[in-house]
PDB file of N, CA and C in Angstrom:
ATOM      1  N   UNK A   1       0.765  -1.088  -0.023  1.00  0.00           N
ATOM      2  CA  UNK A   1       0.005   0.045   0.011  1.00  0.00           C
ATOM      3  C   UNK A   1       0.843   1.296   0.066  1.00  0.00           C
ATOM      4  N   UNK A   2       1.871   1.249   0.710  1.00  0.00           N
ATOM      5  CA  UNK A   2       2.812   2.445   0.861  1.00  0.00           C
ATOM      6  C   UNK A   2       3.427   2.619  -0.543  1.00  0.00           C
ATOM      7  N   UNK A   3       4.032   1.595  -1.047  1.00  0.00           N
ATOM      8  CA  UNK A   3       4.681   1.656  -2.363  1.00  0.00           C
ATOM      9  C   UNK A   3       3.648   2.004  -3.423  1.00  0.00           C
ATOM     10  N   UNK A   4       2.479   1.709  -3.583  1.00  0.00           N
ATOM     11  CA  UNK A   4       1.574   2.141  -4.387  1.00  0.00           C
ATOM     12  C   UNK A   4       1.151   3.580  -4.299  1.00  0.00           C
ATOM     13  N   UNK A   5       1.079   4.073  -2.975  1.00  0.00           N
ATOM     14  CA  UNK A   5       0.948   5.456  -2.659  1.00  0.00           C
ATOM     15  C   UNK A   5       1.857   6.261  -3.343  1.00  0.00           C
ATOM     16  N   UNK A   6       3.301   5.988  -3.110  1.00  0.00           N
ATOM     17  CA  UNK A   6       4.443   6.690  -3.500  1.00  0.00           C
ATOM     18  C   UNK A   6       4.563   6.588  -4.930  1.00  0.00           C
ATOM     19  N   UNK A   7       4.305   5.542  -5.724  1.00  0.00           N
ATOM     20  CA  UNK A   7       4.308   5.413  -7.115  1.00  0.00           C
ATOM     21  C   UNK A   7       3.158   6.408  -7.546  1.00  0.00           C
ATOM     22  N   UNK A   8       1.978   6.672  -7.232  1.00  0.00           N
ATOM     23  CA  UNK A   8       1.006   7.589  -7.456  1.00  0.00           C
ATOM     24  C   UNK A   8       1.589   9.041  -7.458  1.00  0.00           C
ATOM     25  N   UNK A   9       2.368   9.166  -6.075  1.00  0.00           N
ATOM     26  CA  UNK A   9       2.805  10.564  -6.102  1.00  0.00           C
ATOM     27  C   UNK A   9       3.895  10.971  -7.110  1.00  0.00           C
ATOM     28  N   UNK A  10       4.823   9.912  -7.330  1.00  0.00           N
ATOM     29  CA  UNK A  10       5.854  10.007  -8.449  1.00  0.00           C
ATOM     30  C   UNK A  10       5.196  10.102  -9.695  1.00  0.00           C
ATOM     31  N   UNK A  11       4.142   9.407 -10.193  1.00  0.00           N
ATOM     32  CA  UNK A  11       3.473   9.527 -11.401  1.00  0.00           C
ATOM     33  C   UNK A  11       2.975  11.199 -11.678  1.00  0.00           C
ATOM     34  N   UNK A  12       2.505  11.712 -10.569  1.00  0.00           N
ATOM     35  CA  UNK A  12       2.032  13.112 -10.458  1.00  0.00           C
ATOM     36  C   UNK A  12       3.199  13.897 -10.673  1.00  0.00           C
ATOM     37  N   UNK A  13       4.395  13.748 -10.107  1.00  0.00           N
ATOM     38  CA  UNK A  13       5.481  14.546 -10.350  1.00  0.00           C
ATOM     39  C   UNK A  13       5.969  14.470 -11.864  1.00  0.00           C
ATOM     40  N   UNK A  14       5.787  13.272 -12.397  1.00  0.00           N
ATOM     41  CA  UNK A  14       6.522  12.988 -13.893  1.00  0.00           C
ATOM     42  C   UNK A  14       5.417  13.637 -14.910  1.00  0.00           C
ATOM     43  N   UNK A  15       4.283  14.229 -14.496  1.00  0.00           N
ATOM     44  CA  UNK A  15       3.089  14.792 -15.360  1.00  0.00           C
ATOM     45  C   UNK A  15       3.799  15.985 -15.962  1.00  0.00           C
ATOM     46  N   UNK A  16       4.885  16.627 -15.381  1.00  0.00           N
ATOM     47  CA  UNK A  16       5.478  17.763 -15.893  1.00  0.00           C
ATOM     48  C   UNK A  16       6.303  17.598 -17.218  1.00  0.00           C
ATOM     49  N   UNK A  17       6.177  16.271 -17.752  1.00  0.00           N
ATOM     50  CA  UNK A  17       6.947  15.926 -19.061  1.00  0.00           C
ATOM     51  C   UNK A  17       8.267  15.509 -18.955  1.00  0.00           C
ATOM     52  N   UNK A  18       8.860  15.304 -17.612  1.00  0.00           N
ATOM     53  CA  UNK A  18      10.307  14.956 -17.693  1.00  0.00           C
ATOM     54  C   UNK A  18      10.584  13.719 -18.153  1.00  0.00           C
ATOM     55  N   UNK A  19      11.633  13.445 -18.909  1.00  0.00           N
ATOM     56  CA  UNK A  19      12.179  12.124 -19.326  1.00  0.00           C
ATOM     57  C   UNK A  19      12.467  11.094 -18.469  1.00  0.00           C
ATOM     58  N   UNK A  20      13.165  11.585 -17.299  1.00  0.00           N
ATOM     59  CA  UNK A  20      13.664  10.699 -16.458  1.00  0.00           C
ATOM     60  C   UNK A  20      13.288  11.116 -14.988  1.00  0.00           C
ATOM     61  N   UNK A  21      13.505  10.379 -14.082  1.00  0.00           N
ATOM     62  CA  UNK A  21      12.840  10.737 -12.481  1.00  0.00           C
ATOM     63  C   UNK A  21      13.435  11.847 -12.029  1.00  0.00           C
ATOM     64  N   UNK A  22      14.904  12.164 -11.993  1.00  0.00           N
ATOM     65  CA  UNK A  22      15.505  13.257 -11.403  1.00  0.00           C
ATOM     66  C   UNK A  22      15.739  14.406 -12.252  1.00  0.00           C
ATOM     67  N   UNK A  23      16.165  14.136 -13.548  1.00  0.00           N
ATOM     68  CA  UNK A  23      16.656  15.262 -14.338  1.00  0.00           C
ATOM     69  C   UNK A  23      16.362  14.752 -15.783  1.00  0.00           C
ATOM     70  N   UNK A  24      16.974  15.535 -16.595  1.00  0.00           N
ATOM     71  CA  UNK A  24      16.831  15.336 -18.029  1.00  0.00           C
ATOM     72  C   UNK A  24      18.005  14.182 -18.413  1.00  0.00           C
ATOM     73  N   UNK A  25      18.693  13.778 -17.316  1.00  0.00           N
ATOM     74  CA  UNK A  25      19.748  12.756 -17.693  1.00  0.00           C
ATOM     75  C   UNK A  25      19.201  11.493 -16.770  1.00  0.00           C
ATOM     76  N   UNK A  26      19.638  10.371 -17.483  1.00  0.00           N
ATOM     77  CA  UNK A  26      19.349   9.162 -16.848  1.00  0.00           C
ATOM     78  C   UNK A  26      20.249   8.736 -15.846  1.00  0.00           C
ATOM     79  N   UNK A  27      19.816   8.597 -14.437  1.00  0.00           N
ATOM     80  CA  UNK A  27      20.544   8.510 -13.304  1.00  0.00           C
ATOM     81  C   UNK A  27      20.495   7.212 -12.590  1.00  0.00           C
ATOM     82  N   UNK A  28      21.072   6.995 -11.512  1.00  0.00           N
ATOM     83  CA  UNK A  28      20.920   5.852 -10.640  1.00  0.00           C
ATOM     84  C   UNK A  28      19.596   5.440 -10.091  1.00  0.00           C
ATOM     85  N   UNK A  29      18.747   6.804  -9.854  1.00  0.00           N
ATOM     86  CA  UNK A  29      17.426   6.564  -9.570  1.00  0.00           C
ATOM     87  C   UNK A  29      16.504   5.930 -10.613  1.00  0.00           C
ATOM     88  N   UNK A  30      16.886   6.141 -11.761  1.00  0.00           N
ATOM     89  CA  UNK A  30      16.068   5.456 -12.893  1.00  0.00           C
ATOM     90  C   UNK A  30      16.426   3.947 -13.052  1.00  0.00           C
ATOM     91  N   UNK A  31      17.693   3.558 -12.814  1.00  0.00           N
ATOM     92  CA  UNK A  31      18.119   2.116 -12.762  1.00  0.00           C
ATOM     93  C   UNK A  31      17.507   1.548 -11.637  1.00  0.00           C
ATOM     94  N   UNK A  32      17.622   2.138 -10.543  1.00  0.00           N
ATOM     95  CA  UNK A  32      17.059   1.421  -9.276  1.00  0.00           C
ATOM     96  C   UNK A  32      15.439   1.157  -9.376  1.00  0.00           C
ATOM     97  N   UNK A  33      14.767   2.215  -9.807  1.00  0.00           N
ATOM     98  CA  UNK A  33      13.443   2.053  -9.776  1.00  0.00           C
ATOM     99  C   UNK A  33      12.996   1.057 -11.028  1.00  0.00           C
ATOM    100  N   UNK A  34      13.750   1.113 -12.168  1.00  0.00           N
ATOM    101  CA  UNK A  34      13.148   0.266 -13.101  1.00  0.00           C
ATOM    102  C   UNK A  34      13.510  -1.195 -12.697  1.00  0.00           C
ATOM    103  N   UNK A  35      14.741  -1.505 -11.996  1.00  0.00           N
ATOM    104  CA  UNK A  35      14.724  -2.642 -11.564  1.00  0.00           C
ATOM    105  C   UNK A  35      13.847  -3.271 -10.417  1.00  0.00           C
ATOM    106  N   UNK A  36      13.488  -2.383  -9.844  1.00  0.00           N
ATOM    107  CA  UNK A  36      12.394  -2.705  -8.600  1.00  0.00           C
ATOM    108  C   UNK A  36      11.038  -3.069  -9.460  1.00  0.00           C
ATOM    109  N   UNK A  37      10.753  -2.133 -10.220  1.00  0.00           N
ATOM    110  CA  UNK A  37       9.478  -2.292 -10.850  1.00  0.00           C
ATOM    111  C   UNK A  37       9.562  -3.685 -11.827  1.00  0.00           C
ATOM    112  N   UNK A  38      10.478  -3.845 -12.447  1.00  0.00           N
ATOM    113  CA  UNK A  38      10.625  -4.984 -13.284  1.00  0.00           C
ATOM    114  C   UNK A  38      10.502  -6.158 -12.491  1.00  0.00           C
ATOM    115  N   UNK A  39      11.298  -6.202 -11.410  1.00  0.00           N
ATOM    116  CA  UNK A  39      11.053  -7.514 -10.546  1.00  0.00           C
ATOM    117  C   UNK A  39       9.774  -7.614  -9.912  1.00  0.00           C
ATOM    118  N   UNK A  40       9.072  -6.427  -9.578  1.00  0.00           N
ATOM    119  CA  UNK A  40       7.855  -6.597  -8.757  1.00  0.00           C
ATOM    120  C   UNK A  40       6.759  -7.253 -10.077  1.00  0.00           C
ATOM    121  N   UNK A  41       6.939  -6.916 -11.225  1.00  0.00           N
ATOM    122  CA  UNK A  41       6.064  -7.391 -12.259  1.00  0.00           C
ATOM    123  C   UNK A  41       6.386  -8.800 -12.330  1.00  0.00           C
ATOM    124  N   UNK A  42       7.467  -9.363 -12.207  1.00  0.00           N
ATOM    125  CA  UNK A  42       7.740 -10.701 -12.355  1.00  0.00           C
ATOM    126  C   UNK A  42       7.446 -11.661 -11.218  1.00  0.00           C
ATOM    127  N   UNK A  43       7.144 -11.069 -10.179  1.00  0.00           N
ATOM    128  CA  UNK A  43       6.618 -11.761  -9.115  1.00  0.00           C
ATOM    129  C   UNK A  43       5.119 -11.531  -8.789  1.00  0.00           C
ATOM    130  N   UNK A  44       4.493 -11.163  -9.675  1.00  0.00           N
ATOM    131  CA  UNK A  44       2.986 -11.072  -9.447  1.00  0.00           C
ATOM    132  C   UNK A  44       2.533  -9.575  -8.901  1.00  0.00           C
ATOM    133  N   UNK A  45       3.469  -8.538  -8.904  1.00  0.00           N
ATOM    134  CA  UNK A  45       2.910  -7.217  -8.531  1.00  0.00           C
ATOM    135  C   UNK A  45       3.137  -6.204  -9.658  1.00  0.00           C
ATOM    136  N   UNK A  46       2.396  -6.396 -10.634  1.00  0.00           N
ATOM    137  CA  UNK A  46       2.590  -5.454 -11.783  1.00  0.00           C
ATOM    138  C   UNK A  46       2.249  -3.849 -11.429  1.00  0.00           C
ATOM    139  N   UNK A  47       2.832  -3.077 -12.041  1.00  0.00           N
ATOM    140  CA  UNK A  47       2.617  -1.671 -12.051  1.00  0.00           C
ATOM    141  C   UNK A  47       1.307  -1.348 -12.578  1.00  0.00           C
ATOM    142  N   UNK A  48       0.427  -0.560 -11.674  1.00  0.00           N
ATOM    143  CA  UNK A  48      -0.742  -0.125 -11.915  1.00  0.00           C
ATOM    144  C   UNK A  48      -0.672   0.687 -13.148  1.00  0.00           C
ATOM    145  N   UNK A  49      -1.521   0.319 -14.208  1.00  0.00           N
ATOM    146  CA  UNK A  49      -1.448   1.039 -15.592  1.00  0.00           C
ATOM    147  C   UNK A  49      -2.144   2.444 -15.336  1.00  0.00           C
ATOM    148  N   UNK A  50      -2.653   2.778 -14.298  1.00  0.00           N
ATOM    149  CA  UNK A  50      -3.302   4.130 -14.016  1.00  0.00           C
ATOM    150  C   UNK A  50      -2.017   5.160 -13.891  1.00  0.00           C
ATOM    151  N   UNK A  51      -0.935   4.642 -13.622  1.00  0.00           N
ATOM    152  CA  UNK A  51       0.170   5.401 -13.378  1.00  0.00           C
ATOM    153  C   UNK A  51       0.925   5.767 -14.771  1.00  0.00           C
ATOM    154  N   UNK A  52       0.143   6.518 -15.720  1.00  0.00           N
ATOM    155  CA  UNK A  52       0.526   6.572 -17.058  1.00  0.00           C
ATOM    156  C   UNK A  52       1.810   7.119 -17.336  1.00  0.00           C
ATOM    157  N   UNK A  53       2.221   8.095 -16.465  1.00  0.00           N
ATOM    158  CA  UNK A  53       3.734   8.646 -16.806  1.00  0.00           C
ATOM    159  C   UNK A  53       4.843   7.666 -16.352  1.00  0.00           C
ATOM    160  N   UNK A  54       4.535   6.950 -15.311  1.00  0.00           N
ATOM    161  CA  UNK A  54       5.483   5.914 -15.057  1.00  0.00           C
ATOM    162  C   UNK A  54       5.512   4.725 -16.126  1.00  0.00           C
ATOM    163  N   UNK A  55       4.382   4.302 -16.631  1.00  0.00           N
ATOM    164  CA  UNK A  55       4.258   3.424 -17.553  1.00  0.00           C
ATOM    165  C   UNK A  55       5.011   3.826 -18.808  1.00  0.00           C
ATOM    166  N   UNK A  56       4.925   5.162 -19.274  1.00  0.00           N
ATOM    167  CA  UNK A  56       5.724   5.706 -20.358  1.00  0.00           C
ATOM    168  C   UNK A  56       7.110   5.626 -20.107  1.00  0.00           C
ATOM    169  N   UNK A  57       7.565   6.082 -18.860  1.00  0.00           N
ATOM    170  CA  UNK A  57       8.880   5.993 -18.314  1.00  0.00           C
ATOM    171  C   UNK A  57       9.428   4.645 -18.411  1.00  0.00           C
ATOM    172  N   UNK A  58       8.767   3.589 -18.010  1.00  0.00           N
ATOM    173  CA  UNK A  58       9.211   2.242 -18.047  1.00  0.00           C
ATOM    174  C   UNK A  58       9.464   1.808 -19.707  1.00  0.00           C
ATOM    175  N   UNK A  59       8.393   2.181 -20.559  1.00  0.00           N
ATOM    176  CA  UNK A  59       8.746   1.899 -21.896  1.00  0.00           C
ATOM    177  C   UNK A  59      10.140   2.561 -22.434  1.00  0.00           C
ATOM    178  N   UNK A  60      10.245   3.793 -21.981  1.00  0.00           N
ATOM    179  CA  UNK A  60      11.431   4.447 -22.551  1.00  0.00           C
ATOM    180  C   UNK A  60      12.820   3.876 -22.058  1.00  0.00           C
ATOM    181  N   UNK A  61      12.752   3.640 -20.621  1.00  0.00           N
ATOM    182  CA  UNK A  61      13.968   2.986 -20.229  1.00  0.00           C
ATOM    183  C   UNK A  61      14.205   1.561 -20.749  1.00  0.00           C
ATOM    184  N   UNK A  62      13.045   0.783 -20.831  1.00  0.00           N
ATOM    185  CA  UNK A  62      12.988  -0.505 -21.433  1.00  0.00           C
ATOM    186  C   UNK A  62      13.605  -0.605 -22.896  1.00  0.00           C
ATOM    187  N   UNK A  63      13.610   0.519 -23.431  1.00  0.00           N
ATOM    188  CA  UNK A  63      14.040   0.625 -24.956  1.00  0.00           C
ATOM    189  C   UNK A  63      15.911   0.897 -25.039  1.00  0.00           C
ATOM    190  N   UNK A  64      16.261   1.344 -23.974  1.00  0.00           N
ATOM    191  CA  UNK A  64      17.619   1.586 -23.941  1.00  0.00           C
ATOM    192  C   UNK A  64      18.349   0.380 -24.185  1.00  0.00           C
ATOM    193  N   UNK A  65      19.554   0.408 -24.879  1.00  0.00           N
ATOM    194  CA  UNK A  65      20.168  -0.723 -25.393  1.00  0.00           C
ATOM    195  C   UNK A  65      20.765  -1.616 -24.375  1.00  0.00           C
ATOM    196  N   UNK A  66      21.340  -1.006 -23.169  1.00  0.00           N
ATOM    197  CA  UNK A  66      21.840  -1.963 -22.024  1.00  0.00           C
ATOM    198  C   UNK A  66      20.648  -2.731 -21.504  1.00  0.00           C
ATOM    199  N   UNK A  67      19.436  -2.313 -21.564  1.00  0.00           N
ATOM    200  CA  UNK A  67      18.298  -2.849 -20.798  1.00  0.00           C
ATOM    201  C   UNK A  67      17.830  -4.081 -21.723  1.00  0.00           C
ATOM    202  N   UNK A  68      18.048  -3.771 -23.015  1.00  0.00           N
ATOM    203  CA  UNK A  68      17.537  -5.030 -24.102  1.00  0.00           C
ATOM    204  C   UNK A  68      18.675  -6.061 -23.874  1.00  0.00           C
ATOM    205  N   UNK A  69      19.781  -5.691 -23.668  1.00  0.00           N
ATOM    206  CA  UNK A  69      20.815  -6.776 -23.777  1.00  0.00           C
ATOM    207  C   UNK A  69      20.705  -7.822 -22.646  1.00  0.00           C
TER     208      UNK A  69
END
């Protein structure tokens, strides 16, 4: 419940059109959150698709060559 609440908050923060979590650059924050959300999805805790900004961010990060490797 706490994680879902914080993800909703982050989704609202990302509504300003930012490409990555903390800045215009890909940072450790992006790496850690992507790994956490990816793992959560694999163990039956998928990201709520109502978090449209985070869903779009996940797609962007997932297209990065190192992630695809």
